[in-house]
Amino acid sequence: MRFLDGVALGGEWGGSFSLTSEYINPNRRGLYSGILQSTVSIASLMISGLTLLLTSILGQSGFKAIGWRILFGIGFIIAILGVFIRLRVEDSPVFRQLQSKGQIVKSPLVEAIRKYWKLILIGLFLVGVFNGIWYYMNYAFSISYATLIAKEFGKPYVSYTVTQLGILIVSIIGIFASVLFGYLSDLIGRRPQMLADAVIGIVFAAPYFLMLISGNPTLVITAIILGGLFVYYLAGAITPIVLVEMFPPPQVRYTGISMAYQIGVGFLGGSAPLIMTYLIAVTHNIYSPIYFMIGTGVLVLAMALLVGETKGRLYMGEEILKQQ
């Protein structure tokens, strides 16, 4: 079920950004990328809020017995609503124009792998680090690192509640930060933000993990907030539109974006907490994740330099979007 859920998410993620980008003026793509990415934080807050509400009403035992079923039911209703909306969504103006000219690729998967495999690799590392590794590092691994791992190594540690509070705060701020950073990329370009995020990730690696094992609730919460804003959201809010602008529509865009996301976030991001935990266990060094963060920062910095500036890139059929 979790595997199928992940596959579906990858398809939804790529499709939503691809479709949206083919409706709006290219000069506002960054803004809409930020808006769409902010829904990730909104969804997280809704889940957290509903979980807390049901737990407070039913208690822990009640939630385990029936509460999760209520959440599943709500998710099912949302899925049905999503299908209903999709059945009413028309193909984009760009797709219709290229379709009328007979320029639709019959096998986009083969075409993407054959002609654009280099872009797929760059894209999967970009989204894999910004939206995968660094996301899970701040929103998942930080919880165990500041609590259980710190305690195991005899370092000062905080309670689980402190880390959850930090994540809750940065998620709320992130809703607005995503929109702001998306809009900023329309003004200064995508490349400067990705480069800045990569450099911040490298420089902030040591202070970040040291703050997490300080045992000081204020420092722990500050680390999570700063990590979320300037290591994740700064570039994470615009990677969707960067991928959109890397691939030509509608030949391989949807396929290219989805492949980059699935492999990057699914494999690289999903395995990041496991890798960092493994490094600590093998080296017996609680500071080993610092080097992992620096290494991934160097990797994504190189990818940002390779992809260059994507803002303003237009492909065949997209010239009509300037009129939007």
C-alpha atoms as a PDB file:
ATOM      1  CA  MET A   1       0.000   0.000   0.000  1.00  0.00           C
ATOM      2  CA  ARG A   2       2.819   2.407   0.870  1.00  0.00           C
ATOM      3  CA  PHE A   3       4.578   1.567  -2.400  1.00  0.00           C
ATOM      4  CA  LEU A   4       1.429   2.193  -4.445  1.00  0.00           C
ATOM      5  CA  ASP A   5       0.852   5.402  -2.514  1.00  0.00           C
ATOM      6  CA  GLY A   6       4.343   6.604  -3.431  1.00  0.00           C
ATOM      7  CA  VAL A   7       3.905   5.737  -7.113  1.00  0.00           C
ATOM      8  CA  ALA A   8       0.598   7.607  -7.195  1.00  0.00           C
ATOM      9  CA  LEU A   9       2.150  10.631  -5.486  1.00  0.00           C
ATOM     10  CA  GLY A  10       4.936  10.777  -8.066  1.00  0.00           C
ATOM     11  CA  GLY A  11       2.383  10.785 -10.867  1.00  0.00           C
ATOM     12  CA  GLU A  12       0.271  13.434  -9.179  1.00  0.00           C
ATOM     13  CA  TRP A  13       3.282  15.630  -8.372  1.00  0.00           C
ATOM     14  CA  GLY A  14       4.644  15.665 -11.920  1.00  0.00           C
ATOM     15  CA  GLY A  15       1.237  15.997 -13.532  1.00  0.00           C
ATOM     16  CA  SER A  16       0.053  18.895 -11.390  1.00  0.00           C
ATOM     17  CA  PHE A  17       3.098  21.050 -12.104  1.00  0.00           C
ATOM     18  CA  SER A  18       3.269  20.090 -15.761  1.00  0.00           C
ATOM     19  CA  LEU A  19      -0.390  20.890 -16.374  1.00  0.00           C
ATOM     20  CA  THR A  20      -0.359  24.125 -14.387  1.00  0.00           C
ATOM     21  CA  SER A  21       2.737  25.410 -16.182  1.00  0.00           C
ATOM     22  CA  GLU A  22       1.006  24.982 -19.543  1.00  0.00           C
ATOM     23  CA  TYR A  23      -1.828  27.301 -18.533  1.00  0.00           C
ATOM     24  CA  ILE A  24      -0.053  30.279 -16.973  1.00  0.00           C
ATOM     25  CA  ASN A  25       2.198  33.105 -18.133  1.00  0.00           C
ATOM     26  CA  PRO A  26       5.857  31.937 -17.966  1.00  0.00           C
ATOM     27  CA  ASN A  27       6.743  35.070 -16.004  1.00  0.00           C
ATOM     28  CA  ARG A  28       4.596  33.832 -13.094  1.00  0.00           C
ATOM     29  CA  ARG A  29       5.663  30.189 -13.051  1.00  0.00           C
ATOM     30  CA  GLY A  30       7.784  30.571  -9.931  1.00  0.00           C
ATOM     31  CA  LEU A  31       4.872  32.037  -7.981  1.00  0.00           C
ATOM     32  CA  TYR A  32       2.562  29.183  -8.926  1.00  0.00           C
ATOM     33  CA  SER A  33       5.290  26.654  -8.138  1.00  0.00           C
ATOM     34  CA  GLY A  34       5.496  28.123  -4.636  1.00  0.00           C
ATOM     35  CA  ILE A  35       1.718  28.036  -4.259  1.00  0.00           C
ATOM     36  CA  LEU A  36       1.514  24.392  -5.300  1.00  0.00           C
ATOM     37  CA  GLN A  37       4.409  23.402  -3.025  1.00  0.00           C
ATOM     38  CA  SER A  38       2.770  25.192  -0.094  1.00  0.00           C
ATOM     39  CA  THR A  39      -0.035  22.642  -0.281  1.00  0.00           C
ATOM     40  CA  VAL A  40       2.455  20.034   0.978  1.00  0.00           C
ATOM     41  CA  SER A  41       2.716  21.949   4.263  1.00  0.00           C
ATOM     42  CA  ILE A  42      -1.027  22.530   4.328  1.00  0.00           C
ATOM     43  CA  ALA A  43      -1.655  18.797   3.943  1.00  0.00           C
ATOM     44  CA  SER A  44       0.845  17.990   6.702  1.00  0.00           C
ATOM     45  CA  LEU A  45      -0.840  20.451   9.037  1.00  0.00           C
ATOM     46  CA  MET A  46      -4.284  19.021   8.239  1.00  0.00           C
ATOM     47  CA  ILE A  47      -3.082  15.499   8.999  1.00  0.00           C
ATOM     48  CA  SER A  48      -1.398  16.595  12.230  1.00  0.00           C
ATOM     49  CA  GLY A  49      -4.442  18.597  13.285  1.00  0.00           C
ATOM     50  CA  LEU A  50      -6.902  15.789  12.579  1.00  0.00           C
ATOM     51  CA  THR A  51      -4.657  13.269  14.337  1.00  0.00           C
ATOM     52  CA  LEU A  52      -4.408  15.457  17.437  1.00  0.00           C
ATOM     53  CA  LEU A  53      -8.162  16.119  17.386  1.00  0.00           C
ATOM     54  CA  LEU A  54      -9.112  12.449  17.100  1.00  0.00           C
ATOM     55  CA  THR A  55      -6.530  11.445  19.709  1.00  0.00           C
ATOM     56  CA  SER A  56      -7.872  14.015  22.162  1.00  0.00           C
ATOM     57  CA  ILE A  57     -11.435  12.794  21.611  1.00  0.00           C
ATOM     58  CA  LEU A  58     -10.859   9.044  21.395  1.00  0.00           C
ATOM     59  CA  GLY A  59      -7.618   8.675  23.351  1.00  0.00           C
ATOM     60  CA  GLN A  60      -4.570   6.693  22.208  1.00  0.00           C
ATOM     61  CA  SER A  61      -6.311   3.328  22.358  1.00  0.00           C
ATOM     62  CA  GLY A  62      -9.391   4.706  20.615  1.00  0.00           C
ATOM     63  CA  PHE A  63      -7.318   6.199  17.832  1.00  0.00           C
ATOM     64  CA  LYS A  64      -5.510   2.888  17.262  1.00  0.00           C
ATOM     65  CA  ALA A  65      -8.841   1.055  17.226  1.00  0.00           C
ATOM     66  CA  ILE A  66     -10.991   3.346  15.078  1.00  0.00           C
ATOM     67  CA  GLY A  67      -9.395   6.789  14.700  1.00  0.00           C
ATOM     68  CA  TRP A  68      -7.047   5.801  11.876  1.00  0.00           C
ATOM     69  CA  ARG A  69     -10.029   4.340  10.026  1.00  0.00           C
ATOM     70  CA  ILE A  70     -11.728   7.734  10.162  1.00  0.00           C
ATOM     71  CA  LEU A  71      -8.626   9.351   8.628  1.00  0.00           C
ATOM     72  CA  PHE A  72      -8.576   6.660   5.952  1.00  0.00           C
ATOM     73  CA  GLY A  73     -12.237   7.381   5.185  1.00  0.00           C
ATOM     74  CA  ILE A  74     -11.555  11.104   4.876  1.00  0.00           C
ATOM     75  CA  GLY A  75      -8.670  10.342   2.520  1.00  0.00           C
ATOM     76  CA  PHE A  76     -10.944   8.125   0.420  1.00  0.00           C
ATOM     77  CA  ILE A  77     -13.491  10.938   0.085  1.00  0.00           C
ATOM     78  CA  ILE A  78     -10.743  13.373  -0.941  1.00  0.00           C
ATOM     79  CA  ALA A  79      -9.519  10.850  -3.545  1.00  0.00           C
ATOM     80  CA  ILE A  80     -13.015  10.564  -5.038  1.00  0.00           C
ATOM     81  CA  LEU A  81     -13.251  14.367  -5.147  1.00  0.00           C
ATOM     82  CA  GLY A  82      -9.865  14.470  -6.879  1.00  0.00           C
ATOM     83  CA  VAL A  83     -11.008  12.015  -9.550  1.00  0.00           C
ATOM     84  CA  PHE A  84     -14.170  14.084 -10.126  1.00  0.00           C
ATOM     85  CA  ILE A  85     -12.100  17.257 -10.606  1.00  0.00           C
ATOM     86  CA  ARG A  86      -9.663  15.536 -12.978  1.00  0.00           C
ATOM     87  CA  LEU A  87     -12.482  14.281 -15.186  1.00  0.00           C
ATOM     88  CA  ARG A  88     -13.481  17.913 -15.722  1.00  0.00           C
ATOM     89  CA  VAL A  89      -9.988  19.251 -16.425  1.00  0.00           C
ATOM     90  CA  GLU A  90      -9.292  19.910 -20.111  1.00  0.00           C
ATOM     91  CA  ASP A  91      -5.976  19.465 -21.871  1.00  0.00           C
ATOM     92  CA  SER A  92      -3.740  22.529 -21.738  1.00  0.00           C
ATOM     93  CA  PRO A  93      -3.629  25.063 -24.605  1.00  0.00           C
ATOM     94  CA  VAL A  94      -0.047  23.987 -25.310  1.00  0.00           C
ATOM     95  CA  PHE A  95      -1.026  20.318 -25.618  1.00  0.00           C
ATOM     96  CA  ARG A  96      -4.006  21.098 -27.870  1.00  0.00           C
ATOM     97  CA  GLN A  97      -1.866  23.217 -30.174  1.00  0.00           C
ATOM     98  CA  LEU A  98       0.823  20.567 -30.562  1.00  0.00           C
ATOM     99  CA  GLN A  99      -1.819  17.861 -30.930  1.00  0.00           C
ATOM    100  CA  SER A 100      -3.413  19.747 -33.802  1.00  0.00           C
ATOM    101  CA  LYS A 101      -0.014  19.786 -35.531  1.00  0.00           C
ATOM    102  CA  GLY A 102       0.545  16.066 -34.962  1.00  0.00           C
ATOM    103  CA  GLN A 103       3.592  16.637 -32.745  1.00  0.00           C
ATOM    104  CA  ILE A 104       2.624  14.351 -29.866  1.00  0.00           C
ATOM    105  CA  VAL A 105       5.135  11.612 -29.036  1.00  0.00           C
ATOM    106  CA  LYS A 106       3.608   8.122 -29.022  1.00  0.00           C
ATOM    107  CA  SER A 107       6.074   6.640 -26.518  1.00  0.00           C
ATOM    108  CA  PRO A 108       7.159   9.404 -24.110  1.00  0.00           C
ATOM    109  CA  LEU A 109       8.935   6.969 -21.752  1.00  0.00           C
ATOM    110  CA  VAL A 110      11.234   5.673 -24.487  1.00  0.00           C
ATOM    111  CA  GLU A 111      11.719   9.185 -25.848  1.00  0.00           C
ATOM    112  CA  ALA A 112      12.587  10.573 -22.412  1.00  0.00           C
ATOM    113  CA  ILE A 113      15.161   7.883 -21.644  1.00  0.00           C
ATOM    114  CA  ARG A 114      16.685   7.958 -25.133  1.00  0.00           C
ATOM    115  CA  LYS A 115      17.005  11.723 -25.597  1.00  0.00           C
ATOM    116  CA  TYR A 116      16.820  13.281 -22.153  1.00  0.00           C
ATOM    117  CA  TRP A 117      18.488  10.814 -19.791  1.00  0.00           C
ATOM    118  CA  LYS A 118      21.088  13.404 -18.764  1.00  0.00           C
ATOM    119  CA  LEU A 119      18.355  15.878 -17.784  1.00  0.00           C
ATOM    120  CA  ILE A 120      16.557  13.135 -15.851  1.00  0.00           C
ATOM    121  CA  LEU A 121      19.743  12.401 -13.897  1.00  0.00           C
ATOM    122  CA  ILE A 122      20.321  16.080 -13.104  1.00  0.00           C
ATOM    123  CA  GLY A 123      16.673  16.493 -12.150  1.00  0.00           C
ATOM    124  CA  LEU A 124      16.567  13.471  -9.866  1.00  0.00           C
ATOM    125  CA  PHE A 125      19.643  14.683  -7.964  1.00  0.00           C
ATOM    126  CA  LEU A 126      18.240  18.214  -7.694  1.00  0.00           C
ATOM    127  CA  VAL A 127      14.866  17.140  -6.357  1.00  0.00           C
ATOM    128  CA  GLY A 128      16.426  14.179  -4.562  1.00  0.00           C
ATOM    129  CA  VAL A 129      18.566  16.442  -2.378  1.00  0.00           C
ATOM    130  CA  PHE A 130      16.403  19.566  -2.012  1.00  0.00           C
ATOM    131  CA  ASN A 131      12.986  17.889  -1.747  1.00  0.00           C
ATOM    132  CA  GLY A 132      14.101  14.456  -0.594  1.00  0.00           C
ATOM    133  CA  ILE A 133      17.246  14.124   1.490  1.00  0.00           C
ATOM    134  CA  TRP A 134      17.152  17.568   3.102  1.00  0.00           C
ATOM    135  CA  TYR A 135      13.389  17.391   3.624  1.00  0.00           C
ATOM    136  CA  TYR A 136      13.481  14.051   5.443  1.00  0.00           C
ATOM    137  CA  MET A 137      16.597  15.119   7.318  1.00  0.00           C
ATOM    138  CA  ASN A 138      14.773  18.086   8.822  1.00  0.00           C
ATOM    139  CA  TYR A 139      11.278  16.644   9.164  1.00  0.00           C
ATOM    140  CA  ALA A 140      12.071  13.050  10.162  1.00  0.00           C
ATOM    141  CA  PHE A 141      15.686  12.370  11.106  1.00  0.00           C
ATOM    142  CA  SER A 142      15.957  15.475  13.321  1.00  0.00           C
ATOM    143  CA  ILE A 143      13.337  13.956  15.650  1.00  0.00           C
ATOM    144  CA  SER A 144      15.344  10.835  16.509  1.00  0.00           C
ATOM    145  CA  TYR A 145      18.681  12.679  16.353  1.00  0.00           C
ATOM    146  CA  ALA A 146      17.719  15.305  18.956  1.00  0.00           C
ATOM    147  CA  THR A 147      16.045  12.750  21.224  1.00  0.00           C
ATOM    148  CA  LEU A 148      16.977   9.058  21.078  1.00  0.00           C
ATOM    149  CA  ILE A 149      20.364   9.263  19.342  1.00  0.00           C
ATOM    150  CA  ALA A 150      21.555  12.172  21.485  1.00  0.00           C
ATOM    151  CA  LYS A 151      20.511  10.303  24.626  1.00  0.00           C
ATOM    152  CA  GLU A 152      22.234   7.106  23.469  1.00  0.00           C
ATOM    153  CA  PHE A 153      25.535   8.973  22.982  1.00  0.00           C
ATOM    154  CA  GLY A 154      25.271  10.718  26.340  1.00  0.00           C
ATOM    155  CA  LYS A 155      24.619  14.099  24.774  1.00  0.00           C
ATOM    156  CA  PRO A 156      22.040  16.632  25.996  1.00  0.00           C
ATOM    157  CA  TYR A 157      18.662  15.788  24.490  1.00  0.00           C
ATOM    158  CA  VAL A 158      15.130  17.154  24.323  1.00  0.00           C
ATOM    159  CA  SER A 159      11.704  15.564  24.415  1.00  0.00           C
ATOM    160  CA  TYR A 160       9.787  14.361  21.378  1.00  0.00           C
ATOM    161  CA  THR A 161       7.310  17.201  21.956  1.00  0.00           C
ATOM    162  CA  VAL A 162      10.006  19.841  21.403  1.00  0.00           C
ATOM    163  CA  THR A 163      10.962  18.493  17.975  1.00  0.00           C
ATOM    164  CA  GLN A 164       7.306  18.169  16.988  1.00  0.00           C
ATOM    165  CA  LEU A 165       6.713  21.781  18.015  1.00  0.00           C
ATOM    166  CA  GLY A 166       9.611  22.892  15.817  1.00  0.00           C
ATOM    167  CA  ILE A 167       8.235  20.971  12.850  1.00  0.00           C
ATOM    168  CA  LEU A 168       4.751  22.372  13.447  1.00  0.00           C
ATOM    169  CA  ILE A 169       6.064  25.949  13.524  1.00  0.00           C
ATOM    170  CA  VAL A 170       8.201  25.621  10.390  1.00  0.00           C
ATOM    171  CA  SER A 171       5.327  23.920   8.555  1.00  0.00           C
ATOM    172  CA  ILE A 172       3.062  26.888   9.269  1.00  0.00           C
ATOM    173  CA  ILE A 173       5.743  29.385   8.248  1.00  0.00           C
ATOM    174  CA  GLY A 174       6.571  27.236   5.229  1.00  0.00           C
ATOM    175  CA  ILE A 175       3.118  27.743   3.718  1.00  0.00           C
ATOM    176  CA  PHE A 176       3.914  31.416   3.228  1.00  0.00           C
ATOM    177  CA  ALA A 177       7.646  30.931   2.658  1.00  0.00           C
ATOM    178  CA  SER A 178       6.967  28.649  -0.326  1.00  0.00           C
ATOM    179  CA  VAL A 179       4.889  31.322  -2.016  1.00  0.00           C
ATOM    180  CA  LEU A 180       7.447  34.033  -1.205  1.00  0.00           C
ATOM    181  CA  PHE A 181      10.421  32.017  -2.474  1.00  0.00           C
ATOM    182  CA  GLY A 182       8.485  31.038  -5.593  1.00  0.00           C
ATOM    183  CA  TYR A 183       7.710  34.685  -6.336  1.00  0.00           C
ATOM    184  CA  LEU A 184      11.333  35.636  -5.623  1.00  0.00           C
ATOM    185  CA  SER A 185      12.526  33.224  -8.303  1.00  0.00           C
ATOM    186  CA  ASP A 186      10.396  35.079 -10.859  1.00  0.00           C
ATOM    187  CA  LEU A 187      12.370  38.205 -10.001  1.00  0.00           C
ATOM    188  CA  ILE A 188      15.955  36.973  -9.627  1.00  0.00           C
ATOM    189  CA  GLY A 189      15.849  33.611 -11.433  1.00  0.00           C
ATOM    190  CA  ARG A 190      15.884  29.977 -10.321  1.00  0.00           C
ATOM    191  CA  ARG A 191      19.656  29.425 -10.405  1.00  0.00           C
ATOM    192  CA  PRO A 192      20.646  31.975  -7.710  1.00  0.00           C
ATOM    193  CA  GLN A 193      18.197  30.440  -5.244  1.00  0.00           C
ATOM    194  CA  MET A 194      19.357  26.890  -5.882  1.00  0.00           C
ATOM    195  CA  LEU A 195      23.003  27.923  -5.546  1.00  0.00           C
ATOM    196  CA  ALA A 196      22.271  29.880  -2.365  1.00  0.00           C
ATOM    197  CA  ASP A 197      20.361  26.928  -0.873  1.00  0.00           C
ATOM    198  CA  ALA A 198      23.203  24.516  -1.686  1.00  0.00           C
ATOM    199  CA  VAL A 199      25.827  26.802  -0.129  1.00  0.00           C
ATOM    200  CA  ILE A 200      23.694  27.384   2.971  1.00  0.00           C
ATOM    201  CA  GLY A 201      23.246  23.634   3.339  1.00  0.00           C
ATOM    202  CA  ILE A 202      27.004  23.098   3.247  1.00  0.00           C
ATOM    203  CA  VAL A 203      27.847  25.951   5.633  1.00  0.00           C
ATOM    204  CA  PHE A 204      24.957  25.278   8.015  1.00  0.00           C
ATOM    205  CA  ALA A 205      25.600  21.519   8.301  1.00  0.00           C
ATOM    206  CA  ALA A 206      27.784  21.618  11.428  1.00  0.00           C
ATOM    207  CA  PRO A 207      25.809  24.316  13.319  1.00  0.00           C
ATOM    208  CA  TYR A 208      22.556  22.535  12.445  1.00  0.00           C
ATOM    209  CA  PHE A 209      23.435  19.177  13.989  1.00  0.00           C
ATOM    210  CA  LEU A 210      25.244  20.766  16.939  1.00  0.00           C
ATOM    211  CA  MET A 211      22.115  22.786  17.739  1.00  0.00           C
ATOM    212  CA  LEU A 212      19.991  19.634  17.546  1.00  0.00           C
ATOM    213  CA  ILE A 213      22.062  17.898  20.256  1.00  0.00           C
ATOM    214  CA  SER A 214      22.450  20.994  22.429  1.00  0.00           C
ATOM    215  CA  GLY A 215      19.650  19.902  24.742  1.00  0.00           C
ATOM    216  CA  ASN A 216      18.334  23.466  24.564  1.00  0.00           C
ATOM    217  CA  PRO A 217      14.710  23.485  23.343  1.00  0.00           C
ATOM    218  CA  THR A 218      15.069  26.976  21.869  1.00  0.00           C
ATOM    219  CA  LEU A 219      18.167  26.022  19.884  1.00  0.00           C
ATOM    220  CA  VAL A 220      16.602  22.761  18.694  1.00  0.00           C
ATOM    221  CA  ILE A 221      13.454  24.506  17.486  1.00  0.00           C
ATOM    222  CA  THR A 222      15.554  27.251  15.862  1.00  0.00           C
ATOM    223  CA  ALA A 223      17.636  24.651  14.014  1.00  0.00           C
ATOM    224  CA  ILE A 224      14.513  22.958  12.653  1.00  0.00           C
ATOM    225  CA  ILE A 225      12.980  26.281  11.580  1.00  0.00           C
ATOM    226  CA  LEU A 226      16.166  27.543   9.887  1.00  0.00           C
ATOM    227  CA  GLY A 227      16.745  24.148   8.277  1.00  0.00           C
ATOM    228  CA  GLY A 228      13.207  24.085   6.949  1.00  0.00           C
ATOM    229  CA  LEU A 229      13.250  27.632   5.593  1.00  0.00           C
ATOM    230  CA  PHE A 230      16.713  27.985   4.096  1.00  0.00           C
ATOM    231  CA  VAL A 231      17.794  24.393   3.438  1.00  0.00           C
ATOM    232  CA  TYR A 232      14.461  23.004   2.225  1.00  0.00           C
ATOM    233  CA  TYR A 233      11.959  25.697   1.227  1.00  0.00           C
ATOM    234  CA  LEU A 234      14.381  28.155  -0.418  1.00  0.00           C
ATOM    235  CA  ALA A 235      15.023  25.789  -3.333  1.00  0.00           C
ATOM    236  CA  GLY A 236      12.387  23.147  -2.600  1.00  0.00           C
ATOM    237  CA  ALA A 237       9.652  25.631  -3.479  1.00  0.00           C
ATOM    238  CA  ILE A 238      10.997  26.107  -7.010  1.00  0.00           C
ATOM    239  CA  THR A 239      12.428  22.708  -8.001  1.00  0.00           C
ATOM    240  CA  PRO A 240       9.037  21.757  -9.540  1.00  0.00           C
ATOM    241  CA  ILE A 241       9.169  24.670 -11.957  1.00  0.00           C
ATOM    242  CA  VAL A 242      12.870  24.063 -12.635  1.00  0.00           C
ATOM    243  CA  LEU A 243      11.988  20.527 -13.751  1.00  0.00           C
ATOM    244  CA  VAL A 244       9.110  21.889 -15.823  1.00  0.00           C
ATOM    245  CA  GLU A 245      11.454  24.283 -17.612  1.00  0.00           C
ATOM    246  CA  MET A 246      14.059  21.555 -18.189  1.00  0.00           C
ATOM    247  CA  PHE A 247      11.803  19.312 -20.297  1.00  0.00           C
ATOM    248  CA  PRO A 248       9.915  20.185 -23.519  1.00  0.00           C
ATOM    249  CA  PRO A 249       6.118  19.787 -23.434  1.00  0.00           C
ATOM    250  CA  PRO A 250       4.177  17.698 -23.965  1.00  0.00           C
ATOM    251  CA  GLN A 251       6.559  15.209 -25.528  1.00  0.00           C
ATOM    252  CA  VAL A 252       8.419  14.119 -22.375  1.00  0.00           C
ATOM    253  CA  ARG A 253       7.740  16.717 -19.685  1.00  0.00           C
ATOM    254  CA  TYR A 254       5.270  14.725 -17.579  1.00  0.00           C
ATOM    255  CA  THR A 255       7.382  11.568 -17.896  1.00  0.00           C
ATOM    256  CA  GLY A 256      10.686  13.313 -17.207  1.00  0.00           C
ATOM    257  CA  ILE A 257       9.403  15.152 -14.143  1.00  0.00           C
ATOM    258  CA  SER A 258       7.774  12.049 -12.670  1.00  0.00           C
ATOM    259  CA  MET A 259      10.848   9.869 -13.208  1.00  0.00           C
ATOM    260  CA  ALA A 260      13.113  12.475 -11.572  1.00  0.00           C
ATOM    261  CA  TYR A 261      10.737  12.831  -8.623  1.00  0.00           C
ATOM    262  CA  GLN A 262      10.100   9.129  -8.078  1.00  0.00           C
ATOM    263  CA  ILE A 263      13.753   8.139  -8.124  1.00  0.00           C
ATOM    264  CA  GLY A 264      15.078  11.288  -6.448  1.00  0.00           C
ATOM    265  CA  VAL A 265      12.625  11.620  -3.580  1.00  0.00           C
ATOM    266  CA  GLY A 266      11.651   7.954  -3.357  1.00  0.00           C
ATOM    267  CA  PHE A 267      15.080   6.344  -3.322  1.00  0.00           C
ATOM    268  CA  LEU A 268      17.462   9.144  -2.343  1.00  0.00           C
ATOM    269  CA  GLY A 269      15.161  11.006   0.022  1.00  0.00           C
ATOM    270  CA  GLY A 270      13.433   7.981   1.458  1.00  0.00           C
ATOM    271  CA  SER A 271      16.702   6.243   2.291  1.00  0.00           C
ATOM    272  CA  ALA A 272      18.398   9.345   3.779  1.00  0.00           C
ATOM    273  CA  PRO A 273      17.368   8.779   7.441  1.00  0.00           C
ATOM    274  CA  LEU A 274      18.436   5.127   7.153  1.00  0.00           C
ATOM    275  CA  ILE A 275      21.797   6.104   5.642  1.00  0.00           C
ATOM    276  CA  MET A 276      22.511   8.689   8.363  1.00  0.00           C
ATOM    277  CA  THR A 277      21.550   6.221  11.087  1.00  0.00           C
ATOM    278  CA  TYR A 278      23.784   3.594   9.473  1.00  0.00           C
ATOM    279  CA  LEU A 279      26.723   6.030   9.295  1.00  0.00           C
ATOM    280  CA  ILE A 280      26.393   6.764  12.993  1.00  0.00           C
ATOM    281  CA  ALA A 281      26.230   3.056  13.834  1.00  0.00           C
ATOM    282  CA  VAL A 282      29.245   2.126  11.688  1.00  0.00           C
ATOM    283  CA  THR A 283      31.487   5.043  12.640  1.00  0.00           C
ATOM    284  CA  HIS A 284      30.259   5.298  16.241  1.00  0.00           C
ATOM    285  CA  ASN A 285      30.348   9.036  15.579  1.00  0.00           C
ATOM    286  CA  ILE A 286      27.251  11.115  16.285  1.00  0.00           C
ATOM    287  CA  TYR A 287      28.657  13.870  14.059  1.00  0.00           C
ATOM    288  CA  SER A 288      28.853  11.732  10.887  1.00  0.00           C
ATOM    289  CA  PRO A 289      25.565  13.144   9.448  1.00  0.00           C
ATOM    290  CA  ILE A 290      27.350  16.491   9.179  1.00  0.00           C
ATOM    291  CA  TYR A 291      29.634  15.054   6.497  1.00  0.00           C
ATOM    292  CA  PHE A 292      26.659  13.450   4.750  1.00  0.00           C
ATOM    293  CA  MET A 293      24.891  16.810   4.584  1.00  0.00           C
ATOM    294  CA  ILE A 294      28.024  18.533   3.281  1.00  0.00           C
ATOM    295  CA  GLY A 295      28.513  15.816   0.661  1.00  0.00           C
ATOM    296  CA  THR A 296      24.950  16.067  -0.613  1.00  0.00           C
ATOM    297  CA  GLY A 297      25.323  19.852  -0.623  1.00  0.00           C
ATOM    298  CA  VAL A 298      28.364  19.632  -2.902  1.00  0.00           C
ATOM    299  CA  LEU A 299      26.445  17.232  -5.149  1.00  0.00           C
ATOM    300  CA  VAL A 300      23.398  19.466  -5.521  1.00  0.00           C
ATOM    301  CA  LEU A 301      25.612  22.537  -5.985  1.00  0.00           C
ATOM    302  CA  ALA A 302      27.209  20.816  -8.987  1.00  0.00           C
ATOM    303  CA  MET A 303      23.764  19.912 -10.372  1.00  0.00           C
ATOM    304  CA  ALA A 304      22.552  23.512 -10.023  1.00  0.00           C
ATOM    305  CA  LEU A 305      25.603  24.711 -11.937  1.00  0.00           C
ATOM    306  CA  LEU A 306      25.023  22.110 -14.663  1.00  0.00           C
ATOM    307  CA  VAL A 307      21.353  22.883 -15.236  1.00  0.00           C
ATOM    308  CA  GLY A 308      21.986  26.630 -15.449  1.00  0.00           C
ATOM    309  CA  GLU A 309      19.212  29.216 -15.458  1.00  0.00           C
ATOM    310  CA  THR A 310      15.849  27.845 -16.567  1.00  0.00           C
ATOM    311  CA  LYS A 311      13.730  30.965 -16.012  1.00  0.00           C
ATOM    312  CA  GLY A 312      12.360  32.208 -19.317  1.00  0.00           C
ATOM    313  CA  ARG A 313      12.911  28.966 -21.234  1.00  0.00           C
ATOM    314  CA  LEU A 314      10.133  28.387 -23.747  1.00  0.00           C
ATOM    315  CA  TYR A 315       9.606  25.387 -25.985  1.00  0.00           C
ATOM    316  CA  MET A 316       7.591  24.766 -29.104  1.00  0.00           C
ATOM    317  CA  GLY A 317       3.931  25.586 -28.503  1.00  0.00           C
ATOM    318  CA  GLU A 318       4.524  27.621 -25.341  1.00  0.00           C
ATOM    319  CA  GLU A 319       4.720  30.988 -27.077  1.00  0.00           C
ATOM    320  CA  ILE A 320       0.952  31.311 -26.701  1.00  0.00           C
ATOM    321  CA  LEU A 321       1.354  31.367 -22.902  1.00  0.00           C
ATOM    322  CA  LYS A 322       2.794  34.878 -23.030  1.00  0.00           C
ATOM    323  CA  GLN A 323      -0.727  36.016 -23.808  1.00  0.00           C
ATOM    324  CA  GLN A 324      -2.089  34.504 -20.573  1.00  0.00           C
END
